[in-house]
């Protein structure tokens, strides 16, 4: 679907690392940035603003991407685990 999709760049990760946050806060910050990007992508898939996404749509999108990864391989899915 998307080649080389990055949800957190190395530069962003370094900025978070250099911040005055605790280790737990740095982790949460990285997760938040990555989640924000993923939600933007899911919203594009459904052709709607992020704010209008439902829990059901997010779950459905995740199930769809998981199915693609299982059936076609990780190179065809968005998320690379």
PDB file of N, CA and C in Angstrom:
ATOM      1  N   UNK A   1       0.832  -1.198   0.000  1.00  0.00           N
ATOM      2  CA  UNK A   1       0.000   0.000   0.000  1.00  0.00           C
ATOM      3  C   UNK A   1       0.874   1.259   0.000  1.00  0.00           C
ATOM      4  N   UNK A   2       1.674   1.437   1.025  1.00  0.00           N
ATOM      5  CA  UNK A   2       2.537   2.608   1.111  1.00  0.00           C
ATOM      6  C   UNK A   2       3.954   2.117   1.342  1.00  0.00           C
ATOM      7  N   UNK A   3       4.860   2.543   0.509  1.00  0.00           N
ATOM      8  CA  UNK A   3       6.239   2.126   0.656  1.00  0.00           C
ATOM      9  C   UNK A   3       6.990   3.067   1.576  1.00  0.00           C
ATOM     10  N   UNK A   4       7.778   2.486   2.467  1.00  0.00           N
ATOM     11  CA  UNK A   4       8.644   3.253   3.362  1.00  0.00           C
ATOM     12  C   UNK A   4       7.892   4.287   4.190  1.00  0.00           C
ATOM     13  N   UNK A   5       6.687   3.972   4.598  1.00  0.00           N
ATOM     14  CA  UNK A   5       5.908   4.880   5.443  1.00  0.00           C
ATOM     15  C   UNK A   5       6.600   4.995   6.794  1.00  0.00           C
ATOM     16  N   UNK A   6       6.910   6.218   7.185  1.00  0.00           N
ATOM     17  CA  UNK A   6       7.497   6.461   8.498  1.00  0.00           C
ATOM     18  C   UNK A   6       6.494   7.221   9.339  1.00  0.00           C
ATOM     19  N   UNK A   7       6.305   6.733  10.538  1.00  0.00           N
ATOM     20  CA  UNK A   7       5.391   7.399  11.445  1.00  0.00           C
ATOM     21  C   UNK A   7       6.138   8.257  12.447  1.00  0.00           C
ATOM     22  N   UNK A   8       7.454   8.096  12.509  1.00  0.00           N
ATOM     23  CA  UNK A   8       8.315   8.930  13.337  1.00  0.00           C
ATOM     24  C   UNK A   8       9.676   8.956  12.668  1.00  0.00           C
ATOM     25  N   UNK A   9      10.117  10.131  12.259  1.00  0.00           N
ATOM     26  CA  UNK A   9      11.406  10.224  11.589  1.00  0.00           C
ATOM     27  C   UNK A   9      12.532  10.153  12.613  1.00  0.00           C
ATOM     28  N   UNK A  10      13.709   9.857  12.129  1.00  0.00           N
ATOM     29  CA  UNK A  10      14.877   9.820  13.015  1.00  0.00           C
ATOM     30  C   UNK A  10      15.106  11.193  13.646  1.00  0.00           C
ATOM     31  N   UNK A  11      14.930  12.243  12.865  1.00  0.00           N
ATOM     32  CA  UNK A  11      15.103  13.605  13.378  1.00  0.00           C
ATOM     33  C   UNK A  11      14.111  13.900  14.507  1.00  0.00           C
ATOM     34  N   UNK A  12      12.874  13.502  14.304  1.00  0.00           N
ATOM     35  CA  UNK A  12      11.863  13.719  15.351  1.00  0.00           C
ATOM     36  C   UNK A  12      12.195  12.920  16.605  1.00  0.00           C
ATOM     37  N   UNK A  13      12.624  11.696  16.405  1.00  0.00           N
ATOM     38  CA  UNK A  13      12.992  10.857  17.540  1.00  0.00           C
ATOM     39  C   UNK A  13      14.146  11.471  18.323  1.00  0.00           C
ATOM     40  N   UNK A  14      15.109  12.023  17.615  1.00  0.00           N
ATOM     41  CA  UNK A  14      16.241  12.681  18.280  1.00  0.00           C
ATOM     42  C   UNK A  14      15.792  13.921  19.048  1.00  0.00           C
ATOM     43  N   UNK A  15      14.846  14.658  18.490  1.00  0.00           N
ATOM     44  CA  UNK A  15      14.315  15.832  19.198  1.00  0.00           C
ATOM     45  C   UNK A  15      13.606  15.419  20.481  1.00  0.00           C
ATOM     46  N   UNK A  16      12.834  14.350  20.399  1.00  0.00           N
ATOM     47  CA  UNK A  16      12.155  13.857  21.598  1.00  0.00           C
ATOM     48  C   UNK A  16      13.197  13.404  22.617  1.00  0.00           C
ATOM     49  N   UNK A  17      14.207  12.686  22.142  1.00  0.00           N
ATOM     50  CA  UNK A  17      15.251  12.188  23.035  1.00  0.00           C
ATOM     51  C   UNK A  17      15.977  13.329  23.736  1.00  0.00           C
ATOM     52  N   UNK A  18      16.171  14.438  23.047  1.00  0.00           N
ATOM     53  CA  UNK A  18      16.889  15.582  23.615  1.00  0.00           C
ATOM     54  C   UNK A  18      16.016  16.413  24.555  1.00  0.00           C
ATOM     55  N   UNK A  19      14.744  16.119  24.603  1.00  0.00           N
ATOM     56  CA  UNK A  19      13.834  16.897  25.449  1.00  0.00           C
ATOM     57  C   UNK A  19      14.094  16.613  26.928  1.00  0.00           C
ATOM     58  N   UNK A  20      13.497  17.422  27.765  1.00  0.00           N
ATOM     59  CA  UNK A  20      13.667  17.292  29.210  1.00  0.00           C
ATOM     60  C   UNK A  20      12.611  16.383  29.837  1.00  0.00           C
ATOM     61  N   UNK A  21      12.015  15.542  29.035  1.00  0.00           N
ATOM     62  CA  UNK A  21      10.982  14.625  29.507  1.00  0.00           C
ATOM     63  C   UNK A  21      11.601  13.390  30.157  1.00  0.00           C
ATOM     64  N   UNK A  22      10.829  12.725  30.997  1.00  0.00           N
ATOM     65  CA  UNK A  22      11.270  11.451  31.561  1.00  0.00           C
ATOM     66  C   UNK A  22      11.230  10.388  30.468  1.00  0.00           C
ATOM     67  N   UNK A  23      11.813   9.241  30.728  1.00  0.00           N
ATOM     68  CA  UNK A  23      11.802   8.148  29.747  1.00  0.00           C
ATOM     69  C   UNK A  23      10.381   7.755  29.372  1.00  0.00           C
ATOM     70  N   UNK A  24       9.513   7.665  30.372  1.00  0.00           N
ATOM     71  CA  UNK A  24       8.123   7.305  30.108  1.00  0.00           C
ATOM     72  C   UNK A  24       7.428   8.365  29.258  1.00  0.00           C
ATOM     73  N   UNK A  25       7.699   9.630  29.550  1.00  0.00           N
ATOM     74  CA  UNK A  25       7.094  10.725  28.788  1.00  0.00           C
ATOM     75  C   UNK A  25       7.624  10.760  27.355  1.00  0.00           C
ATOM     76  N   UNK A  26       8.899  10.443  27.174  1.00  0.00           N
ATOM     77  CA  UNK A  26       9.473  10.387  25.828  1.00  0.00           C
ATOM     78  C   UNK A  26       8.806   9.283  25.012  1.00  0.00           C
ATOM     79  N   UNK A  27       8.608   8.122  25.649  1.00  0.00           N
ATOM     80  CA  UNK A  27       7.928   7.023  24.968  1.00  0.00           C
ATOM     81  C   UNK A  27       6.526   7.444  24.547  1.00  0.00           C
ATOM     82  N   UNK A  28       5.795   8.050  25.471  1.00  0.00           N
ATOM     83  CA  UNK A  28       4.428   8.479  25.178  1.00  0.00           C
ATOM     84  C   UNK A  28       4.408   9.540  24.077  1.00  0.00           C
ATOM     85  N   UNK A  29       5.391  10.424  24.066  1.00  0.00           N
ATOM     86  CA  UNK A  29       5.477  11.457  23.027  1.00  0.00           C
ATOM     87  C   UNK A  29       5.714  10.824  21.660  1.00  0.00           C
ATOM     88  N   UNK A  30       6.645   9.863  21.591  1.00  0.00           N
ATOM     89  CA  UNK A  30       6.888   9.164  20.318  1.00  0.00           C
ATOM     90  C   UNK A  30       5.628   8.429  19.858  1.00  0.00           C
ATOM     91  N   UNK A  31       4.976   7.766  20.783  1.00  0.00           N
ATOM     92  CA  UNK A  31       3.747   7.042  20.465  1.00  0.00           C
ATOM     93  C   UNK A  31       2.656   7.991  19.975  1.00  0.00           C
ATOM     94  N   UNK A  32       2.552   9.146  20.594  1.00  0.00           N
ATOM     95  CA  UNK A  32       1.539  10.133  20.209  1.00  0.00           C
ATOM     96  C   UNK A  32       1.787  10.655  18.801  1.00  0.00           C
ATOM     97  N   UNK A  33       3.030  10.974  18.489  1.00  0.00           N
ATOM     98  CA  UNK A  33       3.371  11.466  17.144  1.00  0.00           C
ATOM     99  C   UNK A  33       3.064  10.393  16.104  1.00  0.00           C
ATOM    100  N   UNK A  34       3.483   9.171  16.382  1.00  0.00           N
ATOM    101  CA  UNK A  34       3.230   8.063  15.454  1.00  0.00           C
ATOM    102  C   UNK A  34       1.738   7.810  15.282  1.00  0.00           C
ATOM    103  N   UNK A  35       1.010   7.833  16.376  1.00  0.00           N
ATOM    104  CA  UNK A  35      -0.441   7.606  16.323  1.00  0.00           C
ATOM    105  C   UNK A  35      -1.143   8.693  15.532  1.00  0.00           C
ATOM    106  N   UNK A  36      -0.706   9.926  15.717  1.00  0.00           N
ATOM    107  CA  UNK A  36      -1.284  11.054  14.980  1.00  0.00           C
ATOM    108  C   UNK A  36      -1.128  10.832  13.473  1.00  0.00           C
ATOM    109  N   UNK A  37       0.058  10.399  13.059  1.00  0.00           N
ATOM    110  CA  UNK A  37       0.296  10.147  11.632  1.00  0.00           C
ATOM    111  C   UNK A  37      -0.552   8.984  11.128  1.00  0.00           C
ATOM    112  N   UNK A  38      -0.656   7.942  11.920  1.00  0.00           N
ATOM    113  CA  UNK A  38      -1.457   6.795  11.514  1.00  0.00           C
ATOM    114  C   UNK A  38      -2.930   7.173  11.410  1.00  0.00           C
ATOM    115  N   UNK A  39      -3.423   7.959  12.346  1.00  0.00           N
ATOM    116  CA  UNK A  39      -4.819   8.399  12.284  1.00  0.00           C
ATOM    117  C   UNK A  39      -5.076   9.260  11.049  1.00  0.00           C
ATOM    118  N   UNK A  40      -4.102  10.086  10.669  1.00  0.00           N
ATOM    119  CA  UNK A  40      -4.247  10.872   9.439  1.00  0.00           C
ATOM    120  C   UNK A  40      -4.402   9.943   8.239  1.00  0.00           C
ATOM    121  N   UNK A  41      -3.601   8.885   8.208  1.00  0.00           N
ATOM    122  CA  UNK A  41      -3.648   7.924   7.112  1.00  0.00           C
ATOM    123  C   UNK A  41      -4.992   7.190   7.080  1.00  0.00           C
ATOM    124  N   UNK A  42      -5.468   6.779   8.244  1.00  0.00           N
ATOM    125  CA  UNK A  42      -6.764   6.095   8.322  1.00  0.00           C
ATOM    126  C   UNK A  42      -7.880   7.036   7.874  1.00  0.00           C
ATOM    127  N   UNK A  43      -7.811   8.283   8.293  1.00  0.00           N
ATOM    128  CA  UNK A  43      -8.822   9.267   7.887  1.00  0.00           C
ATOM    129  C   UNK A  43      -8.817   9.459   6.370  1.00  0.00           C
ATOM    130  N   UNK A  44      -7.638   9.480   5.765  1.00  0.00           N
ATOM    131  CA  UNK A  44      -7.555   9.595   4.309  1.00  0.00           C
ATOM    132  C   UNK A  44      -8.224   8.397   3.644  1.00  0.00           C
ATOM    133  N   UNK A  45      -8.011   7.221   4.202  1.00  0.00           N
ATOM    134  CA  UNK A  45      -8.624   6.001   3.658  1.00  0.00           C
ATOM    135  C   UNK A  45     -10.147   6.131   3.629  1.00  0.00           C
ATOM    136  N   UNK A  46     -10.704   6.682   4.689  1.00  0.00           N
ATOM    137  CA  UNK A  46     -12.159   6.844   4.776  1.00  0.00           C
ATOM    138  C   UNK A  46     -12.639   8.182   4.207  1.00  0.00           C
ATOM    139  N   UNK A  47     -11.694   8.980   3.720  1.00  0.00           N
ATOM    140  CA  UNK A  47     -12.021  10.270   3.104  1.00  0.00           C
ATOM    141  C   UNK A  47     -12.829  11.163   4.048  1.00  0.00           C
ATOM    142  N   UNK A  48     -12.298  11.320   5.258  1.00  0.00           N
ATOM    143  CA  UNK A  48     -12.970  12.150   6.259  1.00  0.00           C
ATOM    144  C   UNK A  48     -11.928  12.742   7.200  1.00  0.00           C
ATOM    145  N   UNK A  49     -12.280  13.794   7.920  1.00  0.00           N
ATOM    146  CA  UNK A  49     -11.351  14.368   8.898  1.00  0.00           C
ATOM    147  C   UNK A  49     -11.080  13.378  10.036  1.00  0.00           C
ATOM    148  N   UNK A  50      -9.889  13.449  10.598  1.00  0.00           N
ATOM    149  CA  UNK A  50      -9.531  12.582  11.719  1.00  0.00           C
ATOM    150  C   UNK A  50     -10.548  12.652  12.843  1.00  0.00           C
ATOM    151  N   UNK A  51     -11.030  13.851  13.096  1.00  0.00           N
ATOM    152  CA  UNK A  51     -11.955  14.063  14.214  1.00  0.00           C
ATOM    153  C   UNK A  51     -13.259  13.287  14.054  1.00  0.00           C
ATOM    154  N   UNK A  52     -13.571  12.893  12.833  1.00  0.00           N
ATOM    155  CA  UNK A  52     -14.820  12.178  12.579  1.00  0.00           C
ATOM    156  C   UNK A  52     -14.656  10.662  12.551  1.00  0.00           C
ATOM    157  N   UNK A  53     -13.430  10.175  12.707  1.00  0.00           N
ATOM    158  CA  UNK A  53     -13.220   8.732  12.735  1.00  0.00           C
ATOM    159  C   UNK A  53     -13.917   8.122  13.939  1.00  0.00           C
ATOM    160  N   UNK A  54     -14.465   6.948  13.726  1.00  0.00           N
ATOM    161  CA  UNK A  54     -15.080   6.226  14.836  1.00  0.00           C
ATOM    162  C   UNK A  54     -14.142   5.106  15.288  1.00  0.00           C
ATOM    163  N   UNK A  55     -14.377   4.629  16.478  1.00  0.00           N
ATOM    164  CA  UNK A  55     -13.601   3.496  16.981  1.00  0.00           C
ATOM    165  C   UNK A  55     -13.757   2.306  16.038  1.00  0.00           C
ATOM    166  N   UNK A  56     -14.956   2.095  15.556  1.00  0.00           N
ATOM    167  CA  UNK A  56     -15.221   0.982  14.645  1.00  0.00           C
ATOM    168  C   UNK A  56     -14.413   1.105  13.352  1.00  0.00           C
ATOM    169  N   UNK A  57     -14.291   2.312  12.826  1.00  0.00           N
ATOM    170  CA  UNK A  57     -13.505   2.514  11.600  1.00  0.00           C
ATOM    171  C   UNK A  57     -12.027   2.251  11.851  1.00  0.00           C
ATOM    172  N   UNK A  58     -11.525   2.688  12.978  1.00  0.00           N
ATOM    173  CA  UNK A  58     -10.115   2.456  13.298  1.00  0.00           C
ATOM    174  C   UNK A  58      -9.859   0.958  13.439  1.00  0.00           C
ATOM    175  N   UNK A  59     -10.730   0.268  14.147  1.00  0.00           N
ATOM    176  CA  UNK A  59     -10.580  -1.179  14.306  1.00  0.00           C
ATOM    177  C   UNK A  59     -10.664  -1.872  12.952  1.00  0.00           C
ATOM    178  N   UNK A  60     -11.621  -1.489  12.133  1.00  0.00           N
ATOM    179  CA  UNK A  60     -11.790  -2.085  10.813  1.00  0.00           C
ATOM    180  C   UNK A  60     -10.546  -1.880   9.957  1.00  0.00           C
ATOM    181  N   UNK A  61      -9.986  -0.687   9.989  1.00  0.00           N
ATOM    182  CA  UNK A  61      -8.784  -0.400   9.209  1.00  0.00           C
ATOM    183  C   UNK A  61      -7.629  -1.267   9.696  1.00  0.00           C
ATOM    184  N   UNK A  62      -7.480  -1.391  11.012  1.00  0.00           N
ATOM    185  CA  UNK A  62      -6.401  -2.202  11.581  1.00  0.00           C
ATOM    186  C   UNK A  62      -6.580  -3.673  11.194  1.00  0.00           C
ATOM    187  N   UNK A  63      -7.817  -4.162  11.237  1.00  0.00           N
ATOM    188  CA  UNK A  63      -8.089  -5.544  10.832  1.00  0.00           C
ATOM    189  C   UNK A  63      -7.752  -5.747   9.358  1.00  0.00           C
ATOM    190  N   UNK A  64      -8.107  -4.778   8.541  1.00  0.00           N
ATOM    191  CA  UNK A  64      -7.832  -4.850   7.103  1.00  0.00           C
ATOM    192  C   UNK A  64      -6.328  -4.907   6.840  1.00  0.00           C
ATOM    193  N   UNK A  65      -5.569  -4.032   7.501  1.00  0.00           N
ATOM    194  CA  UNK A  65      -4.119  -4.013   7.307  1.00  0.00           C
ATOM    195  C   UNK A  65      -3.486  -5.307   7.822  1.00  0.00           C
ATOM    196  N   UNK A  66      -3.990  -5.815   8.928  1.00  0.00           N
ATOM    197  CA  UNK A  66      -3.492  -7.072   9.486  1.00  0.00           C
ATOM    198  C   UNK A  66      -3.742  -8.232   8.522  1.00  0.00           C
ATOM    199  N   UNK A  67      -4.918  -8.247   7.917  1.00  0.00           N
ATOM    200  CA  UNK A  67      -5.263  -9.296   6.951  1.00  0.00           C
ATOM    201  C   UNK A  67      -4.344  -9.229   5.733  1.00  0.00           C
ATOM    202  N   UNK A  68      -4.076  -8.028   5.250  1.00  0.00           N
ATOM    203  CA  UNK A  68      -3.162  -7.852   4.113  1.00  0.00           C
ATOM    204  C   UNK A  68      -1.784  -8.392   4.471  1.00  0.00           C
ATOM    205  N   UNK A  69      -1.300  -8.068   5.665  1.00  0.00           N
ATOM    206  CA  UNK A  69       0.021  -8.522   6.100  1.00  0.00           C
ATOM    207  C   UNK A  69       0.066 -10.057   6.157  1.00  0.00           C
ATOM    208  N   UNK A  70      -0.977 -10.677   6.698  1.00  0.00           N
ATOM    209  CA  UNK A  70      -1.017 -12.143   6.807  1.00  0.00           C
ATOM    210  C   UNK A  70      -1.121 -12.818   5.440  1.00  0.00           C
ATOM    211  N   UNK A  71      -1.961 -12.274   4.572  1.00  0.00           N
ATOM    212  CA  UNK A  71      -2.247 -12.939   3.299  1.00  0.00           C
ATOM    213  C   UNK A  71      -1.257 -12.609   2.184  1.00  0.00           C
ATOM    214  N   UNK A  72      -0.736 -11.384   2.173  1.00  0.00           N
ATOM    215  CA  UNK A  72       0.131 -10.961   1.069  1.00  0.00           C
ATOM    216  C   UNK A  72       1.568 -10.707   1.494  1.00  0.00           C
ATOM    217  N   UNK A  73       1.783 -10.533   2.793  1.00  0.00           N
ATOM    218  CA  UNK A  73       3.125 -10.269   3.295  1.00  0.00           C
ATOM    219  C   UNK A  73       3.269  -8.842   3.782  1.00  0.00           C
ATOM    220  N   UNK A  74       4.236  -8.618   4.670  1.00  0.00           N
ATOM    221  CA  UNK A  74       4.401  -7.300   5.288  1.00  0.00           C
ATOM    222  C   UNK A  74       4.746  -6.184   4.304  1.00  0.00           C
ATOM    223  N   UNK A  75       5.313  -6.540   3.173  1.00  0.00           N
ATOM    224  CA  UNK A  75       5.655  -5.504   2.198  1.00  0.00           C
ATOM    225  C   UNK A  75       4.415  -4.858   1.591  1.00  0.00           C
ATOM    226  N   UNK A  76       3.256  -5.491   1.735  1.00  0.00           N
ATOM    227  CA  UNK A  76       2.014  -4.945   1.186  1.00  0.00           C
ATOM    228  C   UNK A  76       1.142  -4.246   2.228  1.00  0.00           C
ATOM    229  N   UNK A  77       1.498  -4.382   3.489  1.00  0.00           N
ATOM    230  CA  UNK A  77       0.715  -3.740   4.550  1.00  0.00           C
ATOM    231  C   UNK A  77       1.324  -2.384   4.895  1.00  0.00           C
ATOM    232  N   UNK A  78       0.551  -1.567   5.564  1.00  0.00           N
ATOM    233  CA  UNK A  78       1.038  -0.251   5.984  1.00  0.00           C
ATOM    234  C   UNK A  78       1.928  -0.393   7.205  1.00  0.00           C
ATOM    235  N   UNK A  79       1.433  -1.107   8.198  1.00  0.00           N
ATOM    236  CA  UNK A  79       2.184  -1.261   9.440  1.00  0.00           C
ATOM    237  C   UNK A  79       3.185  -2.396   9.310  1.00  0.00           C
ATOM    238  N   UNK A  80       4.405  -2.120   9.712  1.00  0.00           N
ATOM    239  CA  UNK A  80       5.487  -3.106   9.650  1.00  0.00           C
ATOM    240  C   UNK A  80       5.850  -3.486  11.078  1.00  0.00           C
ATOM    241  N   UNK A  81       5.411  -4.634  11.509  1.00  0.00           N
ATOM    242  CA  UNK A  81       5.671  -5.052  12.893  1.00  0.00           C
ATOM    243  C   UNK A  81       6.936  -5.859  12.969  1.00  0.00           C
TER     244      UNK A  81
END
